[in-house]
Every structure is written in structure tokens, then in C-alpha cells.
Amino acid sequence: MTALALLLGGCTNQGFNPIVIEAVDILNPWDEPAEEAAATGQPVTRTAIDRADIATIRARLVEDKSPTYLFAASDNGGYVTYASSLRQTLTLRGSQITASRGLGYDLLSAKSSQPDPLSRPIPPGRWPEQVVRSYEFPADSAQGRVETFTCRFEVGAARDVVILEQGHRVVEISEYCDGATGSFENLHLSDVSTGAVWRSLQWLGPQQGLIDLEIVLPYTGD
């Protein structure tokens, strides 16, 4: 088992769009933030998520002990921004993280060649051999710093995974990325039938490193 598979077992000064802040206040289905509820012995449950019926993800930097819940706050042409009660945000296209704010080191944007099984589900047996990923990070200039990597996929074994009391049958797929500035490894748990990535470890940059992302309640656009 790879180091990433073992991990799956186990703020910046920038402000936030006031529309997103308002959306989080409205969308948070608990009387107190999910992080505070968990700390006081009131863990978030699948029943509460289903009752609220708001697209929800759970994210954890690999060095953190507890995950953070984020709720869908806006949809900009298929790029869905999720926000936490702490005003942290992640923007996803499908299951691909395309931007982050407030987690420590911002990812300004990310894009990939198509077809990309993260941005649009593809059954595991039909994933492309590779994709090209480009990441934009803050820099001391008018434009950000862009780093590009070629990433190849390696299909592993099928297994079961449970995300907040709900089970999924998935295939473990490793992603090995190499570029002029270095290399990194992602790991994805892809639904055996649909290819939807329910959980993954994704690289957010050389300073931020990996984030453990779980899709708790998928965004459907409804």
C-alpha cells in the first residue's frame, strides 16, 4: 500500500466575497459550526446532512487531525465554490479542486486537459492514460506563477469506503505527476460503476501539499 493510501486510512490575509459569506450563514444547517459541534461531542451525522439537503464536502490537510465541512455556496458555470463556517473556500469542477482560499497557501486556479476523470466522471476502465495539469499560485508580480505537470494514472484494487456513514464500492487509482519544478502523487477512490471520485488526496501546491477531500453529498445543480 502506498503512503498516500495510508493517509486515506487514517489563512491567508485575503478577504472573502460577502455573497459567499452570506451564503455560508444561510446554508450552515447547524446552530453552531460543524467544527465546534464535533469538538463539543455533537458530530455531524448523515441524517443531518440529508435533512439539510445541501451539497457538502469534507476536507482535511494531511497534517490536521480533524476535517472541515464546507457547503456549496455558488455555481459559476460548473465551478462550484464550497465555503466553511470559518470562511475557507474550495472551488471544485466535479471532484477536481480548481482553487482554494484561507487554508494557508492559496491555489489561484487549476486546469487540466480533457478528458479529465476528476472534472467529469469516467468509469475506471476508461480513464485516459494521462492528463496535463496546470496550477497558478500567487507571485510577486502582476501575474501568478504557473506550474505544469504531466500526470499518468495507475489503476489499483477495488475496495469499500465509508464516507459519513454511507458506503461506496470504489477502485483505487494512483496519479503520478511530473513537471519541470518537481513531482507529486495524488490518489483517487473512483466509483466502480460511474467513475465518480468520492474521495481523493489532491496536491494544492509545493507549500500547501496534499488535501484529503471527501464528497459527502454531491452537488447536482438542483
Protein backbone atom coordinates (compact mmCIF):
# COMPACT_ATOMS: atom_id res chain seq x y z
CA MET A 1 0.00 0.00 0.00
CA THR A 2 1.37 3.44 -0.92
CA ALA A 3 1.98 6.22 1.58
CA LEU A 4 -0.99 8.08 0.10
CA ALA A 5 -3.25 5.08 0.65
CA LEU A 6 -2.14 5.01 4.29
CA LEU A 7 -3.03 8.68 4.61
CA LEU A 8 -6.52 7.96 3.28
CA GLY A 9 -6.87 5.40 6.03
CA GLY A 10 -6.20 7.38 8.64
CA CYS A 11 -5.13 31.59 6.47
CA THR A 12 -4.35 33.91 4.32
CA ASN A 13 -4.97 37.70 4.75
CA GLN A 14 -7.27 37.79 1.74
CA GLY A 15 -10.91 38.58 2.39
CA PHE A 16 -13.91 36.65 1.14
CA ASN A 17 -16.68 37.69 -1.19
CA PRO A 18 -19.56 38.97 1.01
CA ILE A 19 -22.01 36.98 -1.12
CA VAL A 20 -20.18 33.78 -0.17
CA ILE A 21 -20.11 34.80 3.50
CA GLU A 22 -23.86 35.36 3.47
CA ALA A 23 -24.42 32.06 1.69
CA VAL A 24 -22.47 30.16 4.36
CA ASP A 25 -24.50 31.77 7.13
CA ILE A 26 -27.70 30.70 5.39
CA LEU A 27 -26.55 27.26 4.29
CA ASN A 28 -24.99 26.07 7.56
CA PRO A 29 -27.71 23.65 8.76
CA TRP A 30 -26.49 23.54 12.37
CA ASP A 31 -26.96 26.01 15.20
CA GLU A 32 -23.18 26.10 15.58
CA PRO A 33 -20.33 25.42 13.13
CA ALA A 34 -19.75 21.75 12.36
CA GLU A 35 -16.22 22.03 13.72
CA GLU A 36 -17.50 23.36 17.06
CA ALA A 37 -20.27 20.77 17.22
CA ALA A 38 -17.73 17.97 16.78
CA ALA A 39 -15.48 19.47 19.44
CA THR A 40 -18.35 19.51 21.94
CA GLY A 41 -19.37 15.92 21.31
CA GLN A 42 -22.02 16.68 18.69
CA PRO A 43 -20.63 15.14 15.50
CA VAL A 44 -22.19 15.88 12.13
CA THR A 45 -24.38 12.96 11.06
CA ARG A 46 -25.63 11.62 7.74
CA THR A 47 -29.18 12.28 8.94
CA ALA A 48 -28.39 15.96 9.47
CA ILE A 49 -26.73 16.22 6.05
CA ASP A 50 -29.65 14.54 4.29
CA ARG A 51 -32.18 16.70 6.15
CA ALA A 52 -30.36 19.90 5.21
CA ASP A 53 -30.08 18.67 1.57
CA ILE A 54 -27.15 20.99 0.79
CA ALA A 55 -24.21 19.75 -1.28
CA THR A 56 -21.43 19.10 1.23
CA ILE A 57 -17.76 18.19 1.12
CA ARG A 58 -15.32 17.37 3.88
CA ALA A 59 -11.67 18.39 3.61
CA ARG A 60 -8.57 17.90 5.74
CA LEU A 61 -5.00 18.98 5.22
CA VAL A 62 -2.93 15.87 5.86
CA GLU A 63 -1.25 17.43 8.90
CA ASP A 64 -4.60 18.29 10.52
CA LYS A 65 -6.38 15.90 12.88
CA SER A 66 -9.97 16.86 12.09
CA PRO A 67 -11.73 17.59 8.78
CA THR A 68 -13.64 20.73 7.92
CA TYR A 69 -17.14 20.67 6.42
CA LEU A 70 -17.80 23.00 3.50
CA PHE A 71 -21.15 23.73 1.84
CA ALA A 72 -21.98 24.65 -1.75
CA ALA A 73 -22.32 28.44 -1.90
CA SER A 74 -22.15 29.31 -5.61
CA ASP A 75 -22.03 27.76 -9.07
CA ASN A 76 -20.13 29.64 -11.77
CA GLY A 77 -20.58 27.66 -14.96
CA GLY A 78 -19.88 24.30 -13.35
CA TYR A 79 -17.20 25.59 -10.99
CA VAL A 80 -18.83 25.13 -7.58
CA THR A 81 -17.45 27.04 -4.61
CA TYR A 82 -17.85 25.44 -1.19
CA ALA A 83 -17.40 27.52 1.97
CA SER A 84 -16.89 26.61 5.63
CA SER A 85 -18.15 28.36 8.73
CA LEU A 86 -14.57 29.69 9.07
CA ARG A 87 -14.84 31.38 5.62
CA GLN A 88 -12.44 28.94 3.98
CA THR A 89 -13.34 28.05 0.40
CA LEU A 90 -12.62 25.31 -2.11
CA THR A 91 -13.77 25.54 -5.72
CA LEU A 92 -14.43 22.24 -7.48
CA ARG A 93 -15.13 21.23 -11.05
CA GLY A 94 -16.62 17.81 -10.46
CA SER A 95 -14.14 16.39 -7.93
CA GLN A 96 -11.15 18.40 -9.18
CA ILE A 97 -10.04 21.20 -6.85
CA THR A 98 -9.52 24.25 -9.06
CA ALA A 99 -8.95 26.90 -6.36
CA SER A 100 -8.56 27.29 -2.61
CA ARG A 101 -8.67 30.23 -0.21
CA GLY A 102 -7.99 30.52 3.51
CA LEU A 103 -6.32 27.15 4.03
CA GLY A 104 -2.82 28.52 4.39
CA TYR A 105 -1.38 28.92 0.88
CA ASP A 106 -3.83 29.86 -1.85
CA LEU A 107 -4.24 27.99 -5.11
CA LEU A 108 -5.39 30.72 -7.50
CA SER A 109 -6.58 28.34 -10.20
CA ALA A 110 -6.06 24.91 -11.71
CA LYS A 111 -6.99 23.50 -15.10
CA SER A 112 -6.42 20.22 -16.92
CA SER A 113 -6.50 18.70 -20.38
CA GLN A 114 -9.64 16.81 -21.33
CA PRO A 115 -10.98 14.29 -20.80
CA ASP A 116 -10.16 14.53 -17.10
CA PRO A 117 -11.96 11.91 -14.96
CA LEU A 118 -11.88 14.29 -11.98
CA SER A 119 -13.77 17.09 -13.70
CA ARG A 120 -16.27 14.72 -15.35
CA PRO A 121 -16.78 11.12 -14.13
CA ILE A 122 -15.42 8.34 -16.35
CA PRO A 123 -15.77 4.65 -15.34
CA PRO A 124 -12.39 3.36 -14.05
CA GLY A 125 -11.77 1.07 -17.01
CA ARG A 126 -11.99 4.01 -19.43
CA TRP A 127 -9.75 6.57 -17.70
CA PRO A 128 -7.21 8.14 -20.09
CA GLU A 129 -3.57 7.16 -19.75
CA GLN A 130 -2.63 10.68 -18.68
CA VAL A 131 -3.71 14.30 -18.31
CA VAL A 132 -1.81 17.58 -18.22
CA ARG A 133 -2.45 19.76 -15.17
CA SER A 134 -1.57 23.45 -14.77
CA TYR A 135 -1.63 25.27 -11.43
CA GLU A 136 -1.47 29.02 -10.79
CA PHE A 137 -0.04 30.28 -7.49
CA PRO A 138 0.46 33.79 -6.06
CA ALA A 139 3.70 35.50 -7.09
CA ASP A 140 5.47 38.82 -6.58
CA SER A 141 4.26 40.13 -9.91
CA ALA A 142 1.11 41.22 -11.71
CA GLN A 143 0.57 37.63 -12.85
CA GLY A 144 0.64 34.45 -10.82
CA ARG A 145 3.21 31.69 -11.13
CA VAL A 146 2.08 28.78 -13.33
CA GLU A 147 3.45 25.25 -12.95
CA THR A 148 2.52 22.45 -15.37
CA PHE A 149 2.70 18.69 -14.85
CA THR A 150 2.03 15.58 -16.91
CA CYS A 151 0.10 13.09 -14.80
CA ARG A 152 -0.35 9.36 -15.50
CA PHE A 153 -2.89 7.05 -13.86
CA GLU A 154 -2.34 3.60 -12.41
CA VAL A 155 -5.42 1.53 -11.56
CA GLY A 156 -5.32 -0.48 -8.34
CA ALA A 157 -7.65 -2.76 -6.41
CA ALA A 158 -11.36 -2.41 -5.72
CA ARG A 159 -12.47 -1.92 -2.13
CA ASP A 160 -15.19 -0.44 0.04
CA VAL A 161 -15.02 3.02 1.58
CA VAL A 162 -17.40 4.69 4.05
CA ILE A 163 -17.93 8.45 3.97
CA LEU A 164 -20.03 9.75 6.85
CA GLU A 165 -21.99 6.52 7.33
CA GLN A 166 -22.52 5.89 3.62
CA GLY A 167 -20.68 3.10 1.85
CA HIS A 168 -19.27 3.14 -1.68
CA ARG A 169 -17.59 0.45 -3.79
CA VAL A 170 -14.55 2.08 -5.35
CA VAL A 171 -11.39 1.45 -7.34
CA GLU A 172 -8.14 2.90 -6.00
CA ILE A 173 -6.35 4.90 -8.71
CA SER A 174 -2.92 6.45 -8.18
CA GLU A 175 -1.90 9.54 -10.13
CA TYR A 176 1.81 10.28 -10.67
CA CYS A 177 2.64 13.81 -11.79
CA ASP A 178 5.98 15.13 -13.11
CA GLY A 179 6.97 18.61 -14.24
CA ALA A 180 9.90 20.97 -14.56
CA THR A 181 9.59 22.08 -10.92
CA GLY A 182 9.18 18.64 -9.32
CA SER A 183 6.76 15.77 -8.88
CA PHE A 184 3.88 14.67 -6.64
CA GLU A 185 1.35 11.87 -6.26
CA ASN A 186 -2.44 12.07 -5.97
CA LEU A 187 -4.77 9.21 -5.04
CA HIS A 188 -8.41 8.81 -6.06
CA LEU A 189 -11.19 6.46 -4.96
CA SER A 190 -13.38 6.14 -8.06
CA ASP A 191 -16.86 4.57 -8.05
CA VAL A 192 -16.65 1.15 -9.73
CA SER A 193 -19.73 1.88 -11.87
CA THR A 194 -19.92 5.60 -12.56
CA GLY A 195 -16.33 6.69 -12.03
CA ALA A 196 -17.37 9.49 -9.66
CA VAL A 197 -14.45 10.23 -7.34
CA TRP A 198 -15.81 10.01 -3.81
CA ARG A 199 -12.53 10.62 -2.02
CA SER A 200 -9.09 11.75 -3.08
CA LEU A 201 -5.79 13.16 -1.97
CA GLN A 202 -5.04 16.15 -4.21
CA TRP A 203 -1.94 18.33 -4.40
CA LEU A 204 -2.59 22.04 -3.90
CA GLY A 205 0.96 23.29 -4.37
CA PRO A 206 4.54 22.94 -3.14
CA GLN A 207 3.80 24.84 0.09
CA GLN A 208 0.26 23.63 0.81
CA GLY A 209 0.87 20.00 -0.11
CA LEU A 210 -1.93 17.45 -0.10
CA ILE A 211 -5.54 17.79 0.97
CA ASP A 212 -7.85 14.86 1.75
CA LEU A 213 -11.17 15.57 0.02
CA GLU A 214 -14.42 13.64 0.54
CA ILE A 215 -17.68 14.16 -1.33
CA VAL A 216 -20.29 13.82 1.41
CA LEU A 217 -23.37 14.93 -0.55
CA PRO A 218 -22.72 15.54 -4.27
CA TYR A 219 -23.70 18.75 -6.00
CA THR A 220 -26.38 18.08 -8.62
CA GLY A 221 -27.16 21.60 -9.79
CA ASP A 222 -30.74 21.40 -8.48
